[in-house]
mmCIF file of all heavy atoms, coordinates in Angstrom:
data_MODEL
# 
_entry.id   MODEL 
# 
loop_
_atom_site.group_PDB 
_atom_site.id 
_atom_site.type_symbol 
_atom_site.label_atom_id 
_atom_site.label_alt_id 
_atom_site.label_comp_id 
_atom_site.label_asym_id 
_atom_site.label_entity_id 
_atom_site.label_seq_id 
_atom_site.pdbx_PDB_ins_code 
_atom_site.Cartn_x 
_atom_site.Cartn_y 
_atom_site.Cartn_z 
_atom_site.occupancy 
_atom_site.B_iso_or_equiv 
_atom_site.pdbx_formal_charge 
_atom_site.auth_seq_id 
_atom_site.auth_comp_id 
_atom_site.auth_asym_id 
_atom_site.auth_atom_id 
_atom_site.pdbx_PDB_model_num 
ATOM 1   N N   . GLU A 1 1  ? 37.846 -93.042  -23.492 1.00 0.00 ? 1  GLU A N   1 
ATOM 2   C CA  . GLU A 1 1  ? 37.477 -91.486  -23.375 1.00 0.00 ? 1  GLU A CA  1 
ATOM 3   C C   . GLU A 1 1  ? 38.700 -90.609  -23.114 1.00 0.00 ? 1  GLU A C   1 
ATOM 4   O O   . GLU A 1 1  ? 39.479 -91.077  -22.188 1.00 0.00 ? 1  GLU A O   1 
ATOM 5   C CB  . GLU A 1 1  ? 36.460 -91.337  -22.203 1.00 0.00 ? 1  GLU A CB  1 
ATOM 6   C CG  . GLU A 1 1  ? 36.008 -89.903  -22.070 1.00 0.00 ? 1  GLU A CG  1 
ATOM 7   C CD  . GLU A 1 1  ? 34.940 -89.699  -20.991 1.00 0.00 ? 1  GLU A CD  1 
ATOM 8   O OE1 . GLU A 1 1  ? 33.839 -90.201  -21.157 1.00 0.00 ? 1  GLU A OE1 1 
ATOM 9   O OE2 . GLU A 1 1  ? 35.236 -89.101  -19.925 1.00 0.00 ? 1  GLU A OE2 1 
ATOM 10  N N   . CYS A 1 2  ? 38.912 -89.658  -23.848 1.00 0.00 ? 2  CYS A N   1 
ATOM 11  C CA  . CYS A 1 2  ? 40.075 -88.869  -23.603 1.00 0.00 ? 2  CYS A CA  1 
ATOM 12  C C   . CYS A 1 2  ? 39.980 -88.245  -22.294 1.00 0.00 ? 2  CYS A C   1 
ATOM 13  O O   . CYS A 1 2  ? 39.065 -87.527  -21.963 1.00 0.00 ? 2  CYS A O   1 
ATOM 14  C CB  . CYS A 1 2  ? 40.191 -87.767  -24.843 1.00 0.00 ? 2  CYS A CB  1 
ATOM 15  S SG  . CYS A 1 2  ? 41.515 -86.635  -24.627 1.00 0.00 ? 2  CYS A SG  1 
ATOM 16  N N   . GLU A 1 3  ? 41.129 -88.286  -21.535 1.00 0.00 ? 3  GLU A N   1 
ATOM 17  C CA  . GLU A 1 3  ? 41.130 -87.730  -20.187 1.00 0.00 ? 3  GLU A CA  1 
ATOM 18  C C   . GLU A 1 3  ? 41.332 -86.268  -20.177 1.00 0.00 ? 3  GLU A C   1 
ATOM 19  O O   . GLU A 1 3  ? 41.199 -85.572  -19.183 1.00 0.00 ? 3  GLU A O   1 
ATOM 20  C CB  . GLU A 1 3  ? 42.346 -88.463  -19.347 1.00 0.00 ? 3  GLU A CB  1 
ATOM 21  C CG  . GLU A 1 3  ? 43.699 -88.028  -19.768 1.00 0.00 ? 3  GLU A CG  1 
ATOM 22  C CD  . GLU A 1 3  ? 44.256 -88.874  -20.971 1.00 0.00 ? 3  GLU A CD  1 
ATOM 23  O OE1 . GLU A 1 3  ? 43.519 -89.687  -21.595 1.00 0.00 ? 3  GLU A OE1 1 
ATOM 24  O OE2 . GLU A 1 3  ? 45.437 -88.716  -21.337 1.00 0.00 ? 3  GLU A OE2 1 
ATOM 25  N N   . LYS A 1 4  ? 41.567 -85.614  -21.296 1.00 0.00 ? 4  LYS A N   1 
ATOM 26  C CA  . LYS A 1 4  ? 41.764 -84.188  -21.374 1.00 0.00 ? 4  LYS A CA  1 
ATOM 27  C C   . LYS A 1 4  ? 40.595 -83.424  -21.792 1.00 0.00 ? 4  LYS A C   1 
ATOM 28  O O   . LYS A 1 4  ? 40.352 -82.333  -21.381 1.00 0.00 ? 4  LYS A O   1 
ATOM 29  C CB  . LYS A 1 4  ? 42.930 -83.883  -22.371 1.00 0.00 ? 4  LYS A CB  1 
ATOM 30  C CG  . LYS A 1 4  ? 44.299 -84.385  -21.785 1.00 0.00 ? 4  LYS A CG  1 
ATOM 31  C CD  . LYS A 1 4  ? 45.434 -83.891  -22.661 1.00 0.00 ? 4  LYS A CD  1 
ATOM 32  C CE  . LYS A 1 4  ? 46.809 -84.294  -21.979 1.00 0.00 ? 4  LYS A CE  1 
ATOM 33  N NZ  . LYS A 1 4  ? 47.874 -83.806  -22.824 1.00 0.00 ? 4  LYS A NZ  1 
ATOM 34  N N   . CYS A 1 5  ? 39.785 -84.103  -22.812 1.00 0.00 ? 5  CYS A N   1 
ATOM 35  C CA  . CYS A 1 5  ? 38.614 -83.334  -23.291 1.00 0.00 ? 5  CYS A CA  1 
ATOM 36  C C   . CYS A 1 5  ? 37.363 -84.172  -23.354 1.00 0.00 ? 5  CYS A C   1 
ATOM 37  O O   . CYS A 1 5  ? 36.335 -83.590  -23.850 1.00 0.00 ? 5  CYS A O   1 
ATOM 38  C CB  . CYS A 1 5  ? 38.893 -82.838  -24.759 1.00 0.00 ? 5  CYS A CB  1 
ATOM 39  S SG  . CYS A 1 5  ? 39.044 -84.083  -26.046 1.00 0.00 ? 5  CYS A SG  1 
ATOM 40  N N   . ALA A 1 6  ? 37.356 -85.484  -22.953 1.00 0.00 ? 6  ALA A N   1 
ATOM 41  C CA  . ALA A 1 6  ? 36.152 -86.334  -22.820 1.00 0.00 ? 6  ALA A CA  1 
ATOM 42  C C   . ALA A 1 6  ? 35.690 -86.831  -24.136 1.00 0.00 ? 6  ALA A C   1 
ATOM 43  O O   . ALA A 1 6  ? 34.670 -87.475  -24.101 1.00 0.00 ? 6  ALA A O   1 
ATOM 44  C CB  . ALA A 1 6  ? 35.117 -85.681  -22.052 1.00 0.00 ? 6  ALA A CB  1 
ATOM 45  N N   . ASN A 1 7  ? 36.329 -86.421  -25.232 1.00 0.00 ? 7  ASN A N   1 
ATOM 46  C CA  . ASN A 1 7  ? 35.893 -87.076  -26.479 1.00 0.00 ? 7  ASN A CA  1 
ATOM 47  C C   . ASN A 1 7  ? 36.444 -88.480  -26.683 1.00 0.00 ? 7  ASN A C   1 
ATOM 48  O O   . ASN A 1 7  ? 37.290 -88.987  -25.917 1.00 0.00 ? 7  ASN A O   1 
ATOM 49  C CB  . ASN A 1 7  ? 36.446 -86.187  -27.686 1.00 0.00 ? 7  ASN A CB  1 
ATOM 50  C CG  . ASN A 1 7  ? 35.579 -84.896  -27.928 1.00 0.00 ? 7  ASN A CG  1 
ATOM 51  O OD1 . ASN A 1 7  ? 34.566 -84.954  -28.522 1.00 0.00 ? 7  ASN A OD1 1 
ATOM 52  N ND2 . ASN A 1 7  ? 36.087 -83.842  -27.432 1.00 0.00 ? 7  ASN A ND2 1 
ATOM 53  N N   . GLU A 1 8  ? 35.873 -89.188  -27.664 1.00 0.00 ? 8  GLU A N   1 
ATOM 54  C CA  . GLU A 1 8  ? 36.324 -90.582  -27.879 1.00 0.00 ? 8  GLU A CA  1 
ATOM 55  C C   . GLU A 1 8  ? 37.708 -90.674  -28.477 1.00 0.00 ? 8  GLU A C   1 
ATOM 56  O O   . GLU A 1 8  ? 38.161 -89.754  -29.304 1.00 0.00 ? 8  GLU A O   1 
ATOM 57  C CB  . GLU A 1 8  ? 35.436 -91.293  -28.875 1.00 0.00 ? 8  GLU A CB  1 
ATOM 58  C CG  . GLU A 1 8  ? 35.772 -92.663  -29.134 1.00 0.00 ? 8  GLU A CG  1 
ATOM 59  C CD  . GLU A 1 8  ? 34.645 -93.413  -30.232 1.00 0.00 ? 8  GLU A CD  1 
ATOM 60  O OE1 . GLU A 1 8  ? 33.452 -92.917  -30.105 1.00 0.00 ? 8  GLU A OE1 1 
ATOM 61  O OE2 . GLU A 1 8  ? 35.274 -93.984  -31.113 1.00 0.00 ? 8  GLU A OE2 1 
ATOM 62  N N   . MET A 1 9  ? 38.388 -91.664  -28.079 1.00 0.00 ? 9  MET A N   1 
ATOM 63  C CA  . MET A 1 9  ? 39.862 -91.917  -28.641 1.00 0.00 ? 9  MET A CA  1 
ATOM 64  C C   . MET A 1 9  ? 39.752 -93.147  -29.542 1.00 0.00 ? 9  MET A C   1 
ATOM 65  O O   . MET A 1 9  ? 39.201 -94.170  -29.005 1.00 0.00 ? 9  MET A O   1 
ATOM 66  C CB  . MET A 1 9  ? 40.822 -92.070  -27.492 1.00 0.00 ? 9  MET A CB  1 
ATOM 67  C CG  . MET A 1 9  ? 41.094 -90.914  -26.656 1.00 0.00 ? 9  MET A CG  1 
ATOM 68  S SD  . MET A 1 9  ? 42.303 -91.065  -25.508 1.00 0.00 ? 9  MET A SD  1 
ATOM 69  C CE  . MET A 1 9  ? 43.691 -90.724  -26.470 1.00 0.00 ? 9  MET A CE  1 
ATOM 70  N N   . GLN A 1 10 ? 40.365 -93.153  -30.603 1.00 0.00 ? 10 GLN A N   1 
ATOM 71  C CA  . GLN A 1 10 ? 40.255 -94.236  -31.623 1.00 0.00 ? 10 GLN A CA  1 
ATOM 72  C C   . GLN A 1 10 ? 41.731 -94.862  -31.739 1.00 0.00 ? 10 GLN A C   1 
ATOM 73  O O   . GLN A 1 10 ? 42.708 -94.183  -31.613 1.00 0.00 ? 10 GLN A O   1 
ATOM 74  C CB  . GLN A 1 10 ? 39.879 -93.778  -32.989 1.00 0.00 ? 10 GLN A CB  1 
ATOM 75  C CG  . GLN A 1 10 ? 38.410 -93.279  -33.190 1.00 0.00 ? 10 GLN A CG  1 
ATOM 76  C CD  . GLN A 1 10 ? 38.051 -92.792  -34.545 1.00 0.00 ? 10 GLN A CD  1 
ATOM 77  O OE1 . GLN A 1 10 ? 38.826 -92.676  -35.203 1.00 0.00 ? 10 GLN A OE1 1 
ATOM 78  N NE2 . GLN A 1 10 ? 36.799 -92.483  -34.708 1.00 0.00 ? 10 GLN A NE2 1 
ATOM 79  N N   . LEU A 1 11 ? 41.687 -96.238  -32.049 1.00 0.00 ? 11 LEU A N   1 
ATOM 80  C CA  . LEU A 1 11 ? 43.009 -96.950  -32.046 1.00 0.00 ? 11 LEU A CA  1 
ATOM 81  C C   . LEU A 1 11 ? 43.357 -96.843  -33.488 1.00 0.00 ? 11 LEU A C   1 
ATOM 82  O O   . LEU A 1 11 ? 42.648 -96.946  -34.495 1.00 0.00 ? 11 LEU A O   1 
ATOM 83  C CB  . LEU A 1 11 ? 42.708 -98.419  -31.804 1.00 0.00 ? 11 LEU A CB  1 
ATOM 84  C CG  . LEU A 1 11 ? 43.872 -99.329  -31.698 1.00 0.00 ? 11 LEU A CG  1 
ATOM 85  C CD1 . LEU A 1 11 ? 44.903 -98.864  -30.602 1.00 0.00 ? 11 LEU A CD1 1 
ATOM 86  C CD2 . LEU A 1 11 ? 43.561 -100.788 -31.508 1.00 0.00 ? 11 LEU A CD2 1 
ATOM 87  N N   . ARG A 1 12 ? 44.673 -96.499  -33.602 1.00 0.00 ? 12 ARG A N   1 
ATOM 88  C CA  . ARG A 1 12 ? 45.256 -96.193  -34.981 1.00 0.00 ? 12 ARG A CA  1 
ATOM 89  C C   . ARG A 1 12 ? 46.775 -96.881  -34.953 1.00 0.00 ? 12 ARG A C   1 
ATOM 90  O O   . ARG A 1 12 ? 47.119 -97.379  -33.853 1.00 0.00 ? 12 ARG A O   1 
ATOM 91  C CB  . ARG A 1 12 ? 45.485 -94.768  -35.247 1.00 0.00 ? 12 ARG A CB  1 
ATOM 92  C CG  . ARG A 1 12 ? 44.094 -94.022  -35.257 1.00 0.00 ? 12 ARG A CG  1 
ATOM 93  C CD  . ARG A 1 12 ? 44.323 -92.541  -35.745 1.00 0.00 ? 12 ARG A CD  1 
ATOM 94  N NE  . ARG A 1 12 ? 43.028 -91.932  -35.824 1.00 0.00 ? 12 ARG A NE  1 
ATOM 95  C CZ  . ARG A 1 12 ? 42.874 -90.549  -36.205 1.00 0.00 ? 12 ARG A CZ  1 
ATOM 96  N NH1 . ARG A 1 12 ? 43.899 -89.935  -36.670 1.00 0.00 ? 12 ARG A NH1 1 
ATOM 97  N NH2 . ARG A 1 12 ? 41.678 -90.147  -36.231 1.00 0.00 ? 12 ARG A NH2 1 
ATOM 98  N N   . THR A 1 13 ? 47.353 -96.896  -36.172 1.00 0.00 ? 13 THR A N   1 
ATOM 99  C CA  . THR A 1 13 ? 48.562 -97.511  -36.340 1.00 0.00 ? 13 THR A CA  1 
ATOM 100 C C   . THR A 1 13 ? 49.572 -96.451  -36.904 1.00 0.00 ? 13 THR A C   1 
ATOM 101 O O   . THR A 1 13 ? 49.300 -95.909  -37.791 1.00 0.00 ? 13 THR A O   1 
ATOM 102 C CB  . THR A 1 13 ? 48.574 -98.763  -37.190 1.00 0.00 ? 13 THR A CB  1 
ATOM 103 O OG1 . THR A 1 13 ? 47.853 -99.790  -36.587 1.00 0.00 ? 13 THR A OG1 1 
ATOM 104 C CG2 . THR A 1 13 ? 49.990 -99.299  -37.363 1.00 0.00 ? 13 THR A CG2 1 
ATOM 105 N N   . GLY A 1 14 ? 50.687 -96.373  -36.325 1.00 0.00 ? 14 GLY A N   1 
ATOM 106 C CA  . GLY A 1 14 ? 51.658 -95.337  -36.813 1.00 0.00 ? 14 GLY A CA  1 
ATOM 107 C C   . GLY A 1 14 ? 53.034 -96.061  -36.848 1.00 0.00 ? 14 GLY A C   1 
ATOM 108 O O   . GLY A 1 14 ? 53.217 -97.231  -36.890 1.00 0.00 ? 14 GLY A O   1 
ATOM 109 N N   . ARG A 1 15 ? 54.113 -95.237  -37.099 1.00 0.00 ? 15 ARG A N   1 
ATOM 110 C CA  . ARG A 1 15 ? 55.524 -95.724  -37.286 1.00 0.00 ? 15 ARG A CA  1 
ATOM 111 C C   . ARG A 1 15 ? 55.994 -96.562  -36.105 1.00 0.00 ? 15 ARG A C   1 
ATOM 112 O O   . ARG A 1 15 ? 56.685 -97.481  -36.292 1.00 0.00 ? 15 ARG A O   1 
ATOM 113 C CB  . ARG A 1 15 ? 56.509 -94.645  -37.485 1.00 0.00 ? 15 ARG A CB  1 
ATOM 114 C CG  . ARG A 1 15 ? 56.260 -93.915  -38.809 1.00 0.00 ? 15 ARG A CG  1 
ATOM 115 C CD  . ARG A 1 15 ? 57.425 -92.781  -38.989 1.00 0.00 ? 15 ARG A CD  1 
ATOM 116 N NE  . ARG A 1 15 ? 57.421 -91.830  -37.929 1.00 0.00 ? 15 ARG A NE  1 
ATOM 117 C CZ  . ARG A 1 15 ? 58.416 -91.041  -37.698 1.00 0.00 ? 15 ARG A CZ  1 
ATOM 118 N NH1 . ARG A 1 15 ? 59.511 -91.079  -38.454 1.00 0.00 ? 15 ARG A NH1 1 
ATOM 119 N NH2 . ARG A 1 15 ? 58.330 -90.187  -36.720 1.00 0.00 ? 15 ARG A NH2 1 
ATOM 120 N N   . PHE A 1 16 ? 55.469 -96.284  -34.928 1.00 0.00 ? 16 PHE A N   1 
ATOM 121 C CA  . PHE A 1 16 ? 55.883 -96.932  -33.636 1.00 0.00 ? 16 PHE A CA  1 
ATOM 122 C C   . PHE A 1 16 ? 54.982 -97.995  -33.169 1.00 0.00 ? 16 PHE A C   1 
ATOM 123 O O   . PHE A 1 16 ? 55.035 -98.282  -32.011 1.00 0.00 ? 16 PHE A O   1 
ATOM 124 C CB  . PHE A 1 16 ? 56.414 -95.901  -32.617 1.00 0.00 ? 16 PHE A CB  1 
ATOM 125 C CG  . PHE A 1 16 ? 57.411 -94.881  -33.145 1.00 0.00 ? 16 PHE A CG  1 
ATOM 126 C CD1 . PHE A 1 16 ? 56.977 -93.674  -33.464 1.00 0.00 ? 16 PHE A CD1 1 
ATOM 127 C CD2 . PHE A 1 16 ? 58.647 -95.273  -33.372 1.00 0.00 ? 16 PHE A CD2 1 
ATOM 128 C CE1 . PHE A 1 16 ? 57.883 -92.645  -33.914 1.00 0.00 ? 16 PHE A CE1 1 
ATOM 129 C CE2 . PHE A 1 16 ? 59.608 -94.352  -33.815 1.00 0.00 ? 16 PHE A CE2 1 
ATOM 130 C CZ  . PHE A 1 16 ? 59.239 -93.024  -34.137 1.00 0.00 ? 16 PHE A CZ  1 
ATOM 131 N N   . GLY A 1 17 ? 54.044 -98.381  -33.960 1.00 0.00 ? 17 GLY A N   1 
ATOM 132 C CA  . GLY A 1 17 ? 53.044 -99.302  -33.457 1.00 0.00 ? 17 GLY A CA  1 
ATOM 133 C C   . GLY A 1 17 ? 51.618 -98.729  -33.286 1.00 0.00 ? 17 GLY A C   1 
ATOM 134 O O   . GLY A 1 17 ? 51.240 -97.600  -33.818 1.00 0.00 ? 17 GLY A O   1 
ATOM 135 N N   . LYS A 1 18 ? 50.745 -99.410  -32.698 1.00 0.00 ? 18 LYS A N   1 
ATOM 136 C CA  . LYS A 1 18 ? 49.383 -98.985  -32.388 1.00 0.00 ? 18 LYS A CA  1 
ATOM 137 C C   . LYS A 1 18 ? 49.248 -98.161  -31.327 1.00 0.00 ? 18 LYS A C   1 
ATOM 138 O O   . LYS A 1 18 ? 49.964 -98.120  -30.224 1.00 0.00 ? 18 LYS A O   1 
ATOM 139 C CB  . LYS A 1 18 ? 48.629 -100.222 -32.185 1.00 0.00 ? 18 LYS A CB  1 
ATOM 140 C CG  . LYS A 1 18 ? 48.473 -101.217 -33.346 1.00 0.00 ? 18 LYS A CG  1 
ATOM 141 C CD  . LYS A 1 18 ? 47.759 -102.520 -32.975 1.00 0.00 ? 18 LYS A CD  1 
ATOM 142 C CE  . LYS A 1 18 ? 47.781 -103.451 -34.153 1.00 0.00 ? 18 LYS A CE  1 
ATOM 143 N NZ  . LYS A 1 18 ? 47.084 -104.709 -33.938 1.00 0.00 ? 18 LYS A NZ  1 
ATOM 144 N N   . PHE A 1 19 ? 48.386 -97.038  -31.402 1.00 0.00 ? 19 PHE A N   1 
ATOM 145 C CA  . PHE A 1 19 ? 48.042 -96.085  -30.357 1.00 0.00 ? 19 PHE A CA  1 
ATOM 146 C C   . PHE A 1 19 ? 46.834 -95.485  -30.482 1.00 0.00 ? 19 PHE A C   1 
ATOM 147 O O   . PHE A 1 19 ? 46.094 -95.720  -31.468 1.00 0.00 ? 19 PHE A O   1 
ATOM 148 C CB  . PHE A 1 19 ? 49.160 -94.836  -30.548 1.00 0.00 ? 19 PHE A CB  1 
ATOM 149 C CG  . PHE A 1 19 ? 49.059 -94.132  -31.755 1.00 0.00 ? 19 PHE A CG  1 
ATOM 150 C CD1 . PHE A 1 19 ? 48.348 -92.981  -31.718 1.00 0.00 ? 19 PHE A CD1 1 
ATOM 151 C CD2 . PHE A 1 19 ? 49.503 -94.540  -33.000 1.00 0.00 ? 19 PHE A CD2 1 
ATOM 152 C CE1 . PHE A 1 19 ? 48.097 -92.095  -32.736 1.00 0.00 ? 19 PHE A CE1 1 
ATOM 153 C CE2 . PHE A 1 19 ? 49.341 -93.744  -34.123 1.00 0.00 ? 19 PHE A CE2 1 
ATOM 154 C CZ  . PHE A 1 19 ? 48.690 -92.501  -33.943 1.00 0.00 ? 19 PHE A CZ  1 
ATOM 155 N N   . PHE A 1 20 ? 46.336 -94.922  -29.332 1.00 0.00 ? 20 PHE A N   1 
ATOM 156 C CA  . PHE A 1 20 ? 44.957 -94.220  -29.416 1.00 0.00 ? 20 PHE A CA  1 
ATOM 157 C C   . PHE A 1 20 ? 45.124 -92.825  -29.651 1.00 0.00 ? 20 PHE A C   1 
ATOM 158 O O   . PHE A 1 20 ? 46.111 -92.184  -29.174 1.00 0.00 ? 20 PHE A O   1 
ATOM 159 C CB  . PHE A 1 20 ? 44.348 -94.414  -28.058 1.00 0.00 ? 20 PHE A CB  1 
ATOM 160 C CG  . PHE A 1 20 ? 43.857 -95.900  -27.701 1.00 0.00 ? 20 PHE A CG  1 
ATOM 161 C CD1 . PHE A 1 20 ? 44.852 -96.737  -27.020 1.00 0.00 ? 20 PHE A CD1 1 
ATOM 162 C CD2 . PHE A 1 20 ? 42.618 -96.255  -28.049 1.00 0.00 ? 20 PHE A CD2 1 
ATOM 163 C CE1 . PHE A 1 20 ? 44.256 -97.928  -26.794 1.00 0.00 ? 20 PHE A CE1 1 
ATOM 164 C CE2 . PHE A 1 20 ? 42.170 -97.606  -27.862 1.00 0.00 ? 20 PHE A CE2 1 
ATOM 165 C CZ  . PHE A 1 20 ? 42.958 -98.448  -27.154 1.00 0.00 ? 20 PHE A CZ  1 
ATOM 166 N N   . LYS A 1 21 ? 44.293 -92.112  -30.467 1.00 0.00 ? 21 LYS A N   1 
ATOM 167 C CA  . LYS A 1 21 ? 44.344 -90.774  -30.701 1.00 0.00 ? 21 LYS A CA  1 
ATOM 168 C C   . LYS A 1 21 ? 42.888 -90.217  -30.554 1.00 0.00 ? 21 LYS A C   1 
ATOM 169 O O   . LYS A 1 21 ? 42.002 -90.772  -30.933 1.00 0.00 ? 21 LYS A O   1 
ATOM 170 C CB  . LYS A 1 21 ? 44.881 -90.515  -32.148 1.00 0.00 ? 21 LYS A CB  1 
ATOM 171 C CG  . LYS A 1 21 ? 45.052 -89.015  -32.358 1.00 0.00 ? 21 LYS A CG  1 
ATOM 172 C CD  . LYS A 1 21 ? 45.635 -88.662  -33.721 1.00 0.00 ? 21 LYS A CD  1 
ATOM 173 C CE  . LYS A 1 21 ? 45.862 -87.202  -33.874 1.00 0.00 ? 21 LYS A CE  1 
ATOM 174 N NZ  . LYS A 1 21 ? 46.492 -86.922  -35.245 1.00 0.00 ? 21 LYS A NZ  1 
ATOM 175 N N   . CYS A 1 22 ? 42.932 -88.886  -29.853 1.00 0.00 ? 22 CYS A N   1 
ATOM 176 C CA  . CYS A 1 22 ? 41.674 -88.303  -29.669 1.00 0.00 ? 22 CYS A CA  1 
ATOM 177 C C   . CYS A 1 22 ? 41.051 -87.792  -30.954 1.00 0.00 ? 22 CYS A C   1 
ATOM 178 O O   . CYS A 1 22 ? 41.730 -87.313  -31.831 1.00 0.00 ? 22 CYS A O   1 
ATOM 179 C CB  . CYS A 1 22 ? 41.844 -87.120  -28.663 1.00 0.00 ? 22 CYS A CB  1 
ATOM 180 S SG  . CYS A 1 22 ? 40.342 -86.275  -28.396 1.00 0.00 ? 22 CYS A SG  1 
ATOM 181 N N   . THR A 1 23 ? 39.674 -88.130  -31.093 1.00 0.00 ? 23 THR A N   1 
ATOM 182 C CA  . THR A 1 23 ? 39.036 -87.571  -32.296 1.00 0.00 ? 23 THR A CA  1 
ATOM 183 C C   . THR A 1 23 ? 38.897 -86.209  -32.414 1.00 0.00 ? 23 THR A C   1 
ATOM 184 O O   . THR A 1 23 ? 38.489 -85.595  -33.473 1.00 0.00 ? 23 THR A O   1 
ATOM 185 C CB  . THR A 1 23 ? 37.608 -88.416  -32.328 1.00 0.00 ? 23 THR A CB  1 
ATOM 186 O OG1 . THR A 1 23 ? 36.999 -88.049  -31.214 1.00 0.00 ? 23 THR A OG1 1 
ATOM 187 C CG2 . THR A 1 23 ? 37.829 -89.849  -32.497 1.00 0.00 ? 23 THR A CG2 1 
ATOM 188 N N   . ASN A 1 24 ? 39.135 -85.486  -31.351 1.00 0.00 ? 24 ASN A N   1 
ATOM 189 C CA  . ASN A 1 24 ? 39.015 -83.923  -31.267 1.00 0.00 ? 24 ASN A CA  1 
ATOM 190 C C   . ASN A 1 24 ? 40.394 -83.410  -31.830 1.00 0.00 ? 24 ASN A C   1 
ATOM 191 O O   . ASN A 1 24 ? 41.434 -83.515  -31.221 1.00 0.00 ? 24 ASN A O   1 
ATOM 192 C CB  . ASN A 1 24 ? 38.703 -83.407  -29.896 1.00 0.00 ? 24 ASN A CB  1 
ATOM 193 C CG  . ASN A 1 24 ? 38.670 -81.870  -29.845 1.00 0.00 ? 24 ASN A CG  1 
ATOM 194 O OD1 . ASN A 1 24 ? 38.876 -81.277  -30.890 1.00 0.00 ? 24 ASN A OD1 1 
ATOM 195 N ND2 . ASN A 1 24 ? 38.608 -81.429  -28.619 1.00 0.00 ? 24 ASN A ND2 1 
ATOM 196 N N   . ASP A 1 25 ? 40.346 -82.866  -33.084 1.00 0.00 ? 25 ASP A N   1 
ATOM 197 C CA  . ASP A 1 25 ? 41.661 -82.386  -33.576 1.00 0.00 ? 25 ASP A CA  1 
ATOM 198 C C   . ASP A 1 25 ? 42.333 -81.321  -32.861 1.00 0.00 ? 25 ASP A C   1 
ATOM 199 O O   . ASP A 1 25 ? 43.528 -81.126  -32.815 1.00 0.00 ? 25 ASP A O   1 
ATOM 200 C CB  . ASP A 1 25 ? 41.448 -81.757  -35.105 1.00 0.00 ? 25 ASP A CB  1 
ATOM 201 C CG  . ASP A 1 25 ? 41.044 -83.002  -36.018 1.00 0.00 ? 25 ASP A CG  1 
ATOM 202 O OD1 . ASP A 1 25 ? 41.392 -84.140  -35.719 1.00 0.00 ? 25 ASP A OD1 1 
ATOM 203 O OD2 . ASP A 1 25 ? 40.386 -82.675  -36.909 1.00 0.00 ? 25 ASP A OD2 1 
ATOM 204 N N   . GLU A 1 26 ? 41.519 -80.443  -32.062 1.00 0.00 ? 26 GLU A N   1 
ATOM 205 C CA  . GLU A 1 26 ? 42.077 -79.437  -31.320 1.00 0.00 ? 26 GLU A CA  1 
ATOM 206 C C   . GLU A 1 26 ? 42.830 -79.897  -30.041 1.00 0.00 ? 26 GLU A C   1 
ATOM 207 O O   . GLU A 1 26 ? 43.643 -79.321  -29.482 1.00 0.00 ? 26 GLU A O   1 
ATOM 208 C CB  . GLU A 1 26 ? 40.920 -78.408  -30.896 1.00 0.00 ? 26 GLU A CB  1 
ATOM 209 C CG  . GLU A 1 26 ? 40.324 -77.695  -32.038 1.00 0.00 ? 26 GLU A CG  1 
ATOM 210 C CD  . GLU A 1 26 ? 39.207 -76.681  -31.734 1.00 0.00 ? 26 GLU A CD  1 
ATOM 211 O OE1 . GLU A 1 26 ? 39.041 -76.777  -30.385 1.00 0.00 ? 26 GLU A OE1 1 
ATOM 212 O OE2 . GLU A 1 26 ? 38.687 -76.078  -32.398 1.00 0.00 ? 26 GLU A OE2 1 
ATOM 213 N N   . CYS A 1 27 ? 42.506 -81.240  -29.685 1.00 0.00 ? 27 CYS A N   1 
ATOM 214 C CA  . CYS A 1 27 ? 43.125 -81.901  -28.518 1.00 0.00 ? 27 CYS A CA  1 
ATOM 215 C C   . CYS A 1 27 ? 44.369 -82.519  -28.914 1.00 0.00 ? 27 CYS A C   1 
ATOM 216 O O   . CYS A 1 27 ? 45.370 -82.205  -28.432 1.00 0.00 ? 27 CYS A O   1 
ATOM 217 C CB  . CYS A 1 27 ? 42.079 -82.746  -27.808 1.00 0.00 ? 27 CYS A CB  1 
ATOM 218 S SG  . CYS A 1 27 ? 42.817 -83.703  -26.407 1.00 0.00 ? 27 CYS A SG  1 
ATOM 219 N N   . GLY A 1 28 ? 44.173 -83.583  -29.849 1.00 0.00 ? 28 GLY A N   1 
ATOM 220 C CA  . GLY A 1 28 ? 45.378 -84.358  -30.285 1.00 0.00 ? 28 GLY A CA  1 
ATOM 221 C C   . GLY A 1 28 ? 46.049 -85.204  -29.365 1.00 0.00 ? 28 GLY A C   1 
ATOM 222 O O   . GLY A 1 28 ? 47.103 -85.695  -29.509 1.00 0.00 ? 28 GLY A O   1 
# 
């Protein structure tokens, strides 16, 4: 759960490895 907006965070993969990103685009 995103600590900033309480929306769900999903696990993704980027240039620097795996990370969680908030599903709320306005939060990011």
